[in-house]
């Protein structure tokens, strides 16, 4: 078997585990990720729990998983507020965010 054919599955697996699949929507662009201190004067409007695959044969990079979770949360929160604050840590590809409305 040619060496290139032997490495093809490894290359494909690397590409699958390193891709970012979640895209920020236009509405999600208007939602900021803030800290609890930064939303002290904002109105809490709810929560959202988001999840992505944290494993595609191998464990995915945790920074990419966290970024995708933040992006999903921003997209989902857009109709209920303009800021989110992480309420939990990332666990098994899932995270909960609290949604706030800070602008009138």
PDB file of N, CA and C in Angstrom:
ATOM      1  N   UNK A   1       0.840  -1.177   0.000  1.00  0.00           N
ATOM      2  CA  UNK A   1       0.000   0.000   0.000  1.00  0.00           C
ATOM      3  C   UNK A   1       0.892   1.248   0.000  1.00  0.00           C
ATOM      4  N   UNK A   2       0.497   2.239  -0.736  1.00  0.00           N
ATOM      5  CA  UNK A   2       1.287   3.468  -0.822  1.00  0.00           C
ATOM      6  C   UNK A   2       1.227   4.213   0.509  1.00  0.00           C
ATOM      7  N   UNK A   3       2.330   4.865   0.880  1.00  0.00           N
ATOM      8  CA  UNK A   3       2.365   5.587   2.162  1.00  0.00           C
ATOM      9  C   UNK A   3       1.280   6.659   2.285  1.00  0.00           C
ATOM     10  N   UNK A   4       0.963   7.321   1.195  1.00  0.00           N
ATOM     11  CA  UNK A   4      -0.057   8.382   1.254  1.00  0.00           C
ATOM     12  C   UNK A   4      -1.423   7.813   1.610  1.00  0.00           C
ATOM     13  N   UNK A   5      -1.725   6.618   1.129  1.00  0.00           N
ATOM     14  CA  UNK A   5      -3.016   5.996   1.438  1.00  0.00           C
ATOM     15  C   UNK A   5      -3.100   5.580   2.904  1.00  0.00           C
ATOM     16  N   UNK A   6      -1.969   5.258   3.495  1.00  0.00           N
ATOM     17  CA  UNK A   6      -1.958   4.887   4.906  1.00  0.00           C
ATOM     18  C   UNK A   6      -2.203   6.098   5.804  1.00  0.00           C
ATOM     19  N   UNK A   7      -1.752   7.260   5.374  1.00  0.00           N
ATOM     20  CA  UNK A   7      -1.907   8.453   6.211  1.00  0.00           C
ATOM     21  C   UNK A   7      -3.220   9.190   5.969  1.00  0.00           C
ATOM     22  N   UNK A   8      -3.920   8.848   4.923  1.00  0.00           N
ATOM     23  CA  UNK A   8      -5.175   9.524   4.597  1.00  0.00           C
ATOM     24  C   UNK A   8      -6.199   9.474   5.732  1.00  0.00           C
ATOM     25  N   UNK A   9      -6.437   8.319   6.358  1.00  0.00           N
ATOM     26  CA  UNK A   9      -7.403   8.306   7.475  1.00  0.00           C
ATOM     27  C   UNK A   9      -6.975   9.195   8.641  1.00  0.00           C
ATOM     28  N   UNK A  10      -5.693   9.270   8.917  1.00  0.00           N
ATOM     29  CA  UNK A  10      -5.197  10.116  10.004  1.00  0.00           C
ATOM     30  C   UNK A  10      -5.437  11.589   9.672  1.00  0.00           C
ATOM     31  N   UNK A  11      -5.169  11.975   8.444  1.00  0.00           N
ATOM     32  CA  UNK A  11      -5.389  13.353   8.014  1.00  0.00           C
ATOM     33  C   UNK A  11      -6.875  13.702   8.088  1.00  0.00           C
ATOM     34  N   UNK A  12      -7.727  12.802   7.623  1.00  0.00           N
ATOM     35  CA  UNK A  12      -9.175  13.043   7.667  1.00  0.00           C
ATOM     36  C   UNK A  12      -9.660  13.189   9.109  1.00  0.00           C
ATOM     37  N   UNK A  13      -9.175  12.348   9.995  1.00  0.00           N
ATOM     38  CA  UNK A  13      -9.561  12.421  11.404  1.00  0.00           C
ATOM     39  C   UNK A  13      -9.110  13.740  12.012  1.00  0.00           C
ATOM     40  N   UNK A  14      -7.907  14.172  11.707  1.00  0.00           N
ATOM     41  CA  UNK A  14      -7.407  15.452  12.209  1.00  0.00           C
ATOM     42  C   UNK A  14      -8.284  16.604  11.736  1.00  0.00           C
ATOM     43  N   UNK A  15      -8.646  16.594  10.483  1.00  0.00           N
ATOM     44  CA  UNK A  15      -9.484  17.658   9.940  1.00  0.00           C
ATOM     45  C   UNK A  15     -10.859  17.679  10.595  1.00  0.00           C
ATOM     46  N   UNK A  16     -11.433  16.510  10.826  1.00  0.00           N
ATOM     47  CA  UNK A  16     -12.749  16.439  11.469  1.00  0.00           C
ATOM     48  C   UNK A  16     -12.714  16.959  12.897  1.00  0.00           C
ATOM     49  N   UNK A  17     -11.652  16.645  13.631  1.00  0.00           N
ATOM     50  CA  UNK A  17     -11.598  17.051  15.034  1.00  0.00           C
ATOM     51  C   UNK A  17     -11.162  18.497  15.210  1.00  0.00           C
ATOM     52  N   UNK A  18     -10.622  19.120  14.179  1.00  0.00           N
ATOM     53  CA  UNK A  18     -10.153  20.492  14.327  1.00  0.00           C
ATOM     54  C   UNK A  18     -11.083  21.523  13.703  1.00  0.00           C
ATOM     55  N   UNK A  19     -12.121  21.102  13.019  1.00  0.00           N
ATOM     56  CA  UNK A  19     -13.032  22.035  12.359  1.00  0.00           C
ATOM     57  C   UNK A  19     -13.983  22.686  13.359  1.00  0.00           C
ATOM     58  N   UNK A  20     -14.358  23.904  13.075  1.00  0.00           N
ATOM     59  CA  UNK A  20     -15.393  24.587  13.837  1.00  0.00           C
ATOM     60  C   UNK A  20     -16.656  24.534  12.998  1.00  0.00           C
ATOM     61  N   UNK A  21     -17.694  23.922  13.530  1.00  0.00           N
ATOM     62  CA  UNK A  21     -18.922  23.691  12.770  1.00  0.00           C
ATOM     63  C   UNK A  21     -19.974  24.751  13.018  1.00  0.00           C
ATOM     64  N   UNK A  22     -19.895  25.476  14.111  1.00  0.00           N
ATOM     65  CA  UNK A  22     -20.931  26.425  14.494  1.00  0.00           C
ATOM     66  C   UNK A  22     -20.559  27.815  14.004  1.00  0.00           C
ATOM     67  N   UNK A  23     -21.470  28.444  13.288  1.00  0.00           N
ATOM     68  CA  UNK A  23     -21.234  29.790  12.761  1.00  0.00           C
ATOM     69  C   UNK A  23     -22.095  30.801  13.517  1.00  0.00           C
ATOM     70  N   UNK A  24     -21.538  31.967  13.777  1.00  0.00           N
ATOM     71  CA  UNK A  24     -22.254  33.044  14.452  1.00  0.00           C
ATOM     72  C   UNK A  24     -23.233  33.689  13.478  1.00  0.00           C
ATOM     73  N   UNK A  25     -24.480  33.835  13.901  1.00  0.00           N
ATOM     74  CA  UNK A  25     -25.494  34.468  13.060  1.00  0.00           C
ATOM     75  C   UNK A  25     -25.390  35.987  13.190  1.00  0.00           C
ATOM     76  N   UNK A  26     -26.069  36.680  12.301  1.00  0.00           N
ATOM     77  CA  UNK A  26     -26.095  38.145  12.364  1.00  0.00           C
ATOM     78  C   UNK A  26     -26.693  38.604  13.695  1.00  0.00           C
ATOM     79  N   UNK A  27     -27.758  37.947  14.142  1.00  0.00           N
ATOM     80  CA  UNK A  27     -28.376  38.305  15.424  1.00  0.00           C
ATOM     81  C   UNK A  27     -27.443  37.990  16.590  1.00  0.00           C
ATOM     82  N   UNK A  28     -26.738  36.868  16.505  1.00  0.00           N
ATOM     83  CA  UNK A  28     -25.807  36.483  17.554  1.00  0.00           C
ATOM     84  C   UNK A  28     -24.648  37.440  17.711  1.00  0.00           C
ATOM     85  N   UNK A  29     -24.302  38.141  16.643  1.00  0.00           N
ATOM     86  CA  UNK A  29     -23.220  39.120  16.706  1.00  0.00           C
ATOM     87  C   UNK A  29     -23.527  40.253  17.682  1.00  0.00           C
ATOM     88  N   UNK A  30     -24.805  40.476  17.967  1.00  0.00           N
ATOM     89  CA  UNK A  30     -25.222  41.541  18.879  1.00  0.00           C
ATOM     90  C   UNK A  30     -25.249  41.108  20.336  1.00  0.00           C
ATOM     91  N   UNK A  31     -24.858  39.879  20.622  1.00  0.00           N
ATOM     92  CA  UNK A  31     -24.863  39.347  21.987  1.00  0.00           C
ATOM     93  C   UNK A  31     -23.420  39.240  22.472  1.00  0.00           C
ATOM     94  N   UNK A  32     -23.134  39.893  23.595  1.00  0.00           N
ATOM     95  CA  UNK A  32     -21.787  39.884  24.169  1.00  0.00           C
ATOM     96  C   UNK A  32     -21.661  38.776  25.209  1.00  0.00           C
ATOM     97  N   UNK A  33     -20.462  38.258  25.361  1.00  0.00           N
ATOM     98  CA  UNK A  33     -20.151  37.308  26.436  1.00  0.00           C
ATOM     99  C   UNK A  33     -19.475  38.124  27.531  1.00  0.00           C
ATOM    100  N   UNK A  34     -20.156  38.232  28.679  1.00  0.00           N
ATOM    101  CA  UNK A  34     -19.674  39.079  29.766  1.00  0.00           C
ATOM    102  C   UNK A  34     -19.457  38.266  31.038  1.00  0.00           C
ATOM    103  N   UNK A  35     -18.960  38.941  32.069  1.00  0.00           N
ATOM    104  CA  UNK A  35     -18.801  38.327  33.387  1.00  0.00           C
ATOM    105  C   UNK A  35     -19.994  38.730  34.255  1.00  0.00           C
ATOM    106  N   UNK A  36     -20.147  38.053  35.376  1.00  0.00           N
ATOM    107  CA  UNK A  36     -21.241  38.372  36.295  1.00  0.00           C
ATOM    108  C   UNK A  36     -21.162  39.816  36.779  1.00  0.00           C
ATOM    109  N   UNK A  37     -19.970  40.322  37.018  1.00  0.00           N
ATOM    110  CA  UNK A  37     -19.810  41.706  37.480  1.00  0.00           C
ATOM    111  C   UNK A  37     -20.266  42.707  36.423  1.00  0.00           C
ATOM    112  N   UNK A  38     -20.084  42.363  35.168  1.00  0.00           N
ATOM    113  CA  UNK A  38     -20.433  43.286  34.085  1.00  0.00           C
ATOM    114  C   UNK A  38     -21.942  43.369  33.838  1.00  0.00           C
ATOM    115  N   UNK A  39     -22.707  42.425  34.355  1.00  0.00           N
ATOM    116  CA  UNK A  39     -24.159  42.442  34.135  1.00  0.00           C
ATOM    117  C   UNK A  39     -24.924  42.783  35.410  1.00  0.00           C
ATOM    118  N   UNK A  40     -24.247  43.360  36.383  1.00  0.00           N
ATOM    119  CA  UNK A  40     -24.869  43.677  37.668  1.00  0.00           C
ATOM    120  C   UNK A  40     -26.095  44.577  37.522  1.00  0.00           C
ATOM    121  N   UNK A  41     -26.105  45.468  36.546  1.00  0.00           N
ATOM    122  CA  UNK A  41     -27.227  46.387  36.349  1.00  0.00           C
ATOM    123  C   UNK A  41     -28.129  45.979  35.190  1.00  0.00           C
ATOM    124  N   UNK A  42     -28.038  44.752  34.763  1.00  0.00           N
ATOM    125  CA  UNK A  42     -28.832  44.268  33.630  1.00  0.00           C
ATOM    126  C   UNK A  42     -30.005  43.422  34.118  1.00  0.00           C
ATOM    127  N   UNK A  43     -30.972  43.232  33.242  1.00  0.00           N
ATOM    128  CA  UNK A  43     -32.154  42.418  33.563  1.00  0.00           C
ATOM    129  C   UNK A  43     -31.918  40.981  33.097  1.00  0.00           C
ATOM    130  N   UNK A  44     -32.076  40.046  34.021  1.00  0.00           N
ATOM    131  CA  UNK A  44     -31.943  38.619  33.675  1.00  0.00           C
ATOM    132  C   UNK A  44     -33.207  38.192  32.937  1.00  0.00           C
ATOM    133  N   UNK A  45     -33.038  37.577  31.764  1.00  0.00           N
ATOM    134  CA  UNK A  45     -34.208  37.190  30.974  1.00  0.00           C
ATOM    135  C   UNK A  45     -34.348  35.682  30.790  1.00  0.00           C
ATOM    136  N   UNK A  46     -33.415  34.897  31.309  1.00  0.00           N
ATOM    137  CA  UNK A  46     -33.533  33.449  31.203  1.00  0.00           C
ATOM    138  C   UNK A  46     -32.194  32.760  31.116  1.00  0.00           C
ATOM    139  N   UNK A  47     -32.244  31.502  30.710  1.00  0.00           N
ATOM    140  CA  UNK A  47     -31.027  30.709  30.525  1.00  0.00           C
ATOM    141  C   UNK A  47     -31.138  29.930  29.224  1.00  0.00           C
ATOM    142  N   UNK A  48     -30.001  29.466  28.775  1.00  0.00           N
ATOM    143  CA  UNK A  48     -29.969  28.558  27.634  1.00  0.00           C
ATOM    144  C   UNK A  48     -28.870  27.537  27.875  1.00  0.00           C
ATOM    145  N   UNK A  49     -29.167  26.297  27.576  1.00  0.00           N
ATOM    146  CA  UNK A  49     -28.175  25.234  27.671  1.00  0.00           C
ATOM    147  C   UNK A  49     -27.898  24.753  26.263  1.00  0.00           C
ATOM    148  N   UNK A  50     -26.633  24.750  25.904  1.00  0.00           N
ATOM    149  CA  UNK A  50     -26.227  24.382  24.550  1.00  0.00           C
ATOM    150  C   UNK A  50     -25.268  23.201  24.621  1.00  0.00           C
ATOM    151  N   UNK A  51     -25.210  22.452  23.528  1.00  0.00           N
ATOM    152  CA  UNK A  51     -24.292  21.316  23.496  1.00  0.00           C
ATOM    153  C   UNK A  51     -23.771  21.088  22.080  1.00  0.00           C
ATOM    154  N   UNK A  52     -22.566  20.568  22.025  1.00  0.00           N
ATOM    155  CA  UNK A  52     -21.926  20.167  20.773  1.00  0.00           C
ATOM    156  C   UNK A  52     -21.220  18.844  21.023  1.00  0.00           C
ATOM    157  N   UNK A  53     -20.815  18.204  19.956  1.00  0.00           N
ATOM    158  CA  UNK A  53     -20.045  16.963  20.101  1.00  0.00           C
ATOM    159  C   UNK A  53     -18.658  17.309  20.625  1.00  0.00           C
ATOM    160  N   UNK A  54     -18.263  16.663  21.705  1.00  0.00           N
ATOM    161  CA  UNK A  54     -16.923  16.886  22.231  1.00  0.00           C
ATOM    162  C   UNK A  54     -15.979  15.757  21.849  1.00  0.00           C
ATOM    163  N   UNK A  55     -16.524  14.803  21.096  1.00  0.00           N
ATOM    164  CA  UNK A  55     -15.729  13.664  20.676  1.00  0.00           C
ATOM    165  C   UNK A  55     -16.146  13.267  19.261  1.00  0.00           C
ATOM    166  N   UNK A  56     -15.185  13.178  18.358  1.00  0.00           N
ATOM    167  CA  UNK A  56     -15.400  12.632  17.022  1.00  0.00           C
ATOM    168  C   UNK A  56     -14.295  11.600  16.868  1.00  0.00           C
ATOM    169  N   UNK A  57     -14.583  10.396  17.289  1.00  0.00           N
ATOM    170  CA  UNK A  57     -13.622   9.300  17.424  1.00  0.00           C
ATOM    171  C   UNK A  57     -12.632   9.630  18.551  1.00  0.00           C
ATOM    172  N   UNK A  58     -11.954  10.745  18.452  1.00  0.00           N
ATOM    173  CA  UNK A  58     -11.049  11.210  19.515  1.00  0.00           C
ATOM    174  C   UNK A  58     -11.653  12.442  20.175  1.00  0.00           C
ATOM    175  N   UNK A  59     -11.146  12.779  21.355  1.00  0.00           N
ATOM    176  CA  UNK A  59     -11.598  13.997  22.023  1.00  0.00           C
ATOM    177  C   UNK A  59     -11.233  15.209  21.180  1.00  0.00           C
ATOM    178  N   UNK A  60     -12.180  16.138  21.059  1.00  0.00           N
ATOM    179  CA  UNK A  60     -11.923  17.382  20.333  1.00  0.00           C
ATOM    180  C   UNK A  60     -11.189  18.353  21.234  1.00  0.00           C
ATOM    181  N   UNK A  61     -10.546  19.323  20.638  1.00  0.00           N
ATOM    182  CA  UNK A  61      -9.859  20.365  21.369  1.00  0.00           C
ATOM    183  C   UNK A  61     -10.874  21.120  22.230  1.00  0.00           C
ATOM    184  N   UNK A  62     -10.615  21.208  23.538  1.00  0.00           N
ATOM    185  CA  UNK A  62     -11.582  21.815  24.463  1.00  0.00           C
ATOM    186  C   UNK A  62     -11.787  23.304  24.195  1.00  0.00           C
ATOM    187  N   UNK A  63     -10.760  23.997  23.719  1.00  0.00           N
ATOM    188  CA  UNK A  63     -10.938  25.414  23.396  1.00  0.00           C
ATOM    189  C   UNK A  63     -11.913  25.589  22.236  1.00  0.00           C
ATOM    190  N   UNK A  64     -11.852  24.706  21.251  1.00  0.00           N
ATOM    191  CA  UNK A  64     -12.782  24.778  20.119  1.00  0.00           C
ATOM    192  C   UNK A  64     -14.198  24.423  20.552  1.00  0.00           C
ATOM    193  N   UNK A  65     -14.324  23.435  21.421  1.00  0.00           N
ATOM    194  CA  UNK A  65     -15.636  23.068  21.945  1.00  0.00           C
ATOM    195  C   UNK A  65     -16.226  24.250  22.706  1.00  0.00           C
ATOM    196  N   UNK A  66     -15.433  24.884  23.563  1.00  0.00           N
ATOM    197  CA  UNK A  66     -15.910  26.036  24.347  1.00  0.00           C
ATOM    198  C   UNK A  66     -16.311  27.196  23.439  1.00  0.00           C
ATOM    199  N   UNK A  67     -15.538  27.432  22.398  1.00  0.00           N
ATOM    200  CA  UNK A  67     -15.863  28.505  21.449  1.00  0.00           C
ATOM    201  C   UNK A  67     -17.187  28.221  20.748  1.00  0.00           C
ATOM    202  N   UNK A  68     -17.385  26.977  20.321  1.00  0.00           N
ATOM    203  CA  UNK A  68     -18.649  26.617  19.668  1.00  0.00           C
ATOM    204  C   UNK A  68     -19.828  26.767  20.618  1.00  0.00           C
ATOM    205  N   UNK A  69     -19.649  26.413  21.879  1.00  0.00           N
ATOM    206  CA  UNK A  69     -20.726  26.559  22.860  1.00  0.00           C
ATOM    207  C   UNK A  69     -21.082  28.030  23.059  1.00  0.00           C
ATOM    208  N   UNK A  70     -20.074  28.888  23.167  1.00  0.00           N
ATOM    209  CA  UNK A  70     -20.335  30.328  23.293  1.00  0.00           C
ATOM    210  C   UNK A  70     -21.062  30.860  22.061  1.00  0.00           C
ATOM    211  N   UNK A  71     -20.639  30.411  20.893  1.00  0.00           N
ATOM    212  CA  UNK A  71     -21.276  30.863  19.656  1.00  0.00           C
ATOM    213  C   UNK A  71     -22.735  30.418  19.603  1.00  0.00           C
ATOM    214  N   UNK A  72     -23.000  29.169  19.930  1.00  0.00           N
ATOM    215  CA  UNK A  72     -24.390  28.669  19.965  1.00  0.00           C
ATOM    216  C   UNK A  72     -25.225  29.456  20.968  1.00  0.00           C
ATOM    217  N   UNK A  73     -24.666  29.703  22.142  1.00  0.00           N
ATOM    218  CA  UNK A  73     -25.399  30.445  23.176  1.00  0.00           C
ATOM    219  C   UNK A  73     -25.707  31.857  22.712  1.00  0.00           C
ATOM    220  N   UNK A  74     -24.762  32.510  22.061  1.00  0.00           N
ATOM    221  CA  UNK A  74     -25.009  33.866  21.537  1.00  0.00           C
ATOM    222  C   UNK A  74     -26.126  33.830  20.507  1.00  0.00           C
ATOM    223  N   UNK A  75     -26.103  32.853  19.617  1.00  0.00           N
ATOM    224  CA  UNK A  75     -27.152  32.735  18.603  1.00  0.00           C
ATOM    225  C   UNK A  75     -28.525  32.530  19.247  1.00  0.00           C
ATOM    226  N   UNK A  76     -28.599  31.648  20.237  1.00  0.00           N
ATOM    227  CA  UNK A  76     -29.885  31.343  20.883  1.00  0.00           C
ATOM    228  C   UNK A  76     -30.404  32.482  21.756  1.00  0.00           C
ATOM    229  N   UNK A  77     -29.493  33.269  22.316  1.00  0.00           N
ATOM    230  CA  UNK A  77     -29.890  34.334  23.241  1.00  0.00           C
ATOM    231  C   UNK A  77     -30.343  35.597  22.524  1.00  0.00           C
ATOM    232  N   UNK A  78     -30.086  35.708  21.253  1.00  0.00           N
ATOM    233  CA  UNK A  78     -30.308  36.959  20.521  1.00  0.00           C
ATOM    234  C   UNK A  78     -31.739  37.475  20.611  1.00  0.00           C
ATOM    235  N   UNK A  79     -32.726  36.599  20.707  1.00  0.00           N
ATOM    236  CA  UNK A  79     -34.116  37.056  20.768  1.00  0.00           C
ATOM    237  C   UNK A  79     -34.573  37.384  22.191  1.00  0.00           C
ATOM    238  N   UNK A  80     -33.720  37.116  23.193  1.00  0.00           N
ATOM    239  CA  UNK A  80     -34.108  37.363  24.580  1.00  0.00           C
ATOM    240  C   UNK A  80     -33.195  38.316  25.324  1.00  0.00           C
ATOM    241  N   UNK A  81     -32.097  38.735  24.691  1.00  0.00           N
ATOM    242  CA  UNK A  81     -31.177  39.625  25.385  1.00  0.00           C
ATOM    243  C   UNK A  81     -30.002  40.012  24.525  1.00  0.00           C
ATOM    244  N   UNK A  82     -29.067  40.730  25.148  1.00  0.00           N
ATOM    245  CA  UNK A  82     -27.896  41.189  24.407  1.00  0.00           C
ATOM    246  C   UNK A  82     -26.584  40.824  25.105  1.00  0.00           C
ATOM    247  N   UNK A  83     -26.688  39.978  26.124  1.00  0.00           N
ATOM    248  CA  UNK A  83     -25.483  39.529  26.821  1.00  0.00           C
ATOM    249  C   UNK A  83     -25.718  38.151  27.422  1.00  0.00           C
ATOM    250  N   UNK A  84     -24.656  37.374  27.503  1.00  0.00           N
ATOM    251  CA  UNK A  84     -24.713  36.077  28.177  1.00  0.00           C
ATOM    252  C   UNK A  84     -23.543  35.972  29.138  1.00  0.00           C
ATOM    253  N   UNK A  85     -23.753  35.182  30.190  1.00  0.00           N
ATOM    254  CA  UNK A  85     -22.715  34.904  31.174  1.00  0.00           C
ATOM    255  C   UNK A  85     -22.696  33.393  31.383  1.00  0.00           C
ATOM    256  N   UNK A  86     -21.525  32.760  31.280  1.00  0.00           N
ATOM    257  CA  UNK A  86     -21.468  31.318  31.539  1.00  0.00           C
ATOM    258  C   UNK A  86     -21.950  31.024  32.962  1.00  0.00           C
ATOM    259  N   UNK A  87     -22.893  30.096  33.091  1.00  0.00           N
ATOM    260  CA  UNK A  87     -23.422  29.730  34.406  1.00  0.00           C
ATOM    261  C   UNK A  87     -22.801  28.430  34.909  1.00  0.00           C
ATOM    262  N   UNK A  88     -22.283  27.618  33.995  1.00  0.00           N
ATOM    263  CA  UNK A  88     -21.637  26.360  34.354  1.00  0.00           C
ATOM    264  C   UNK A  88     -20.349  26.222  33.551  1.00  0.00           C
ATOM    265  N   UNK A  89     -19.570  25.261  33.930  1.00  0.00           N
ATOM    266  CA  UNK A  89     -18.365  24.918  33.166  1.00  0.00           C
ATOM    267  C   UNK A  89     -18.766  23.999  32.011  1.00  0.00           C
ATOM    268  N   UNK A  90     -17.891  23.879  31.043  1.00  0.00           N
ATOM    269  CA  UNK A  90     -18.111  22.942  29.942  1.00  0.00           C
ATOM    270  C   UNK A  90     -17.942  21.532  30.494  1.00  0.00           C
ATOM    271  N   UNK A  91     -18.971  20.704  30.275  1.00  0.00           N
ATOM    272  CA  UNK A  91     -18.899  19.316  30.722  1.00  0.00           C
ATOM    273  C   UNK A  91     -19.564  18.419  29.693  1.00  0.00           C
ATOM    274  N   UNK A  92     -18.807  17.486  29.167  1.00  0.00           N
ATOM    275  CA  UNK A  92     -19.304  16.556  28.153  1.00  0.00           C
ATOM    276  C   UNK A  92     -19.921  17.291  26.966  1.00  0.00           C
ATOM    277  N   UNK A  93     -19.297  18.388  26.567  1.00  0.00           N
ATOM    278  CA  UNK A  93     -19.765  19.145  25.405  1.00  0.00           C
ATOM    279  C   UNK A  93     -21.018  19.965  25.655  1.00  0.00           C
ATOM    280  N   UNK A  94     -21.335  20.242  26.917  1.00  0.00           N
ATOM    281  CA  UNK A  94     -22.546  20.995  27.259  1.00  0.00           C
ATOM    282  C   UNK A  94     -22.207  22.121  28.230  1.00  0.00           C
ATOM    283  N   UNK A  95     -22.942  23.243  28.101  1.00  0.00           N
ATOM    284  CA  UNK A  95     -22.752  24.373  29.007  1.00  0.00           C
ATOM    285  C   UNK A  95     -24.038  25.193  29.077  1.00  0.00           C
ATOM    286  N   UNK A  96     -24.306  25.746  30.256  1.00  0.00           N
ATOM    287  CA  UNK A  96     -25.471  26.606  30.465  1.00  0.00           C
ATOM    288  C   UNK A  96     -24.999  28.049  30.606  1.00  0.00           C
ATOM    289  N   UNK A  97     -25.768  28.954  30.000  1.00  0.00           N
ATOM    290  CA  UNK A  97     -25.483  30.383  30.045  1.00  0.00           C
ATOM    291  C   UNK A  97     -26.718  31.113  30.559  1.00  0.00           C
ATOM    292  N   UNK A  98     -26.513  32.179  31.317  1.00  0.00           N
ATOM    293  CA  UNK A  98     -27.600  33.054  31.747  1.00  0.00           C
ATOM    294  C   UNK A  98     -27.672  34.199  30.739  1.00  0.00           C
ATOM    295  N   UNK A  99     -28.898  34.552  30.357  1.00  0.00           N
ATOM    296  CA  UNK A  99     -29.130  35.586  29.360  1.00  0.00           C
ATOM    297  C   UNK A  99     -29.572  36.874  30.062  1.00  0.00           C
ATOM    298  N   UNK A 100     -29.022  37.999  29.608  1.00  0.00           N
ATOM    299  CA  UNK A 100     -29.343  39.308  30.184  1.00  0.00           C
ATOM    300  C   UNK A 100     -29.691  40.301  29.089  1.00  0.00           C
ATOM    301  N   UNK A 101     -30.513  41.275  29.459  1.00  0.00           N
ATOM    302  CA  UNK A 101     -30.773  42.427  28.594  1.00  0.00           C
ATOM    303  C   UNK A 101     -30.154  43.633  29.306  1.00  0.00           C
ATOM    304  N   UNK A 102     -29.144  44.199  28.694  1.00  0.00           N
ATOM    305  CA  UNK A 102     -28.420  45.324  29.308  1.00  0.00           C
ATOM    306  C   UNK A 102     -28.759  46.643  28.646  1.00  0.00           C
ATOM    307  N   UNK A 103     -29.153  46.610  27.390  1.00  0.00           N
ATOM    308  CA  UNK A 103     -29.525  47.837  26.676  1.00  0.00           C
ATOM    309  C   UNK A 103     -31.039  47.924  26.604  1.00  0.00           C
ATOM    310  N   UNK A 104     -31.533  49.109  26.634  1.00  0.00           N
ATOM    311  CA  UNK A 104     -33.000  49.296  26.560  1.00  0.00           C
ATOM    312  C   UNK A 104     -33.476  49.270  25.145  1.00  0.00           C
TER     313      UNK A 104
END
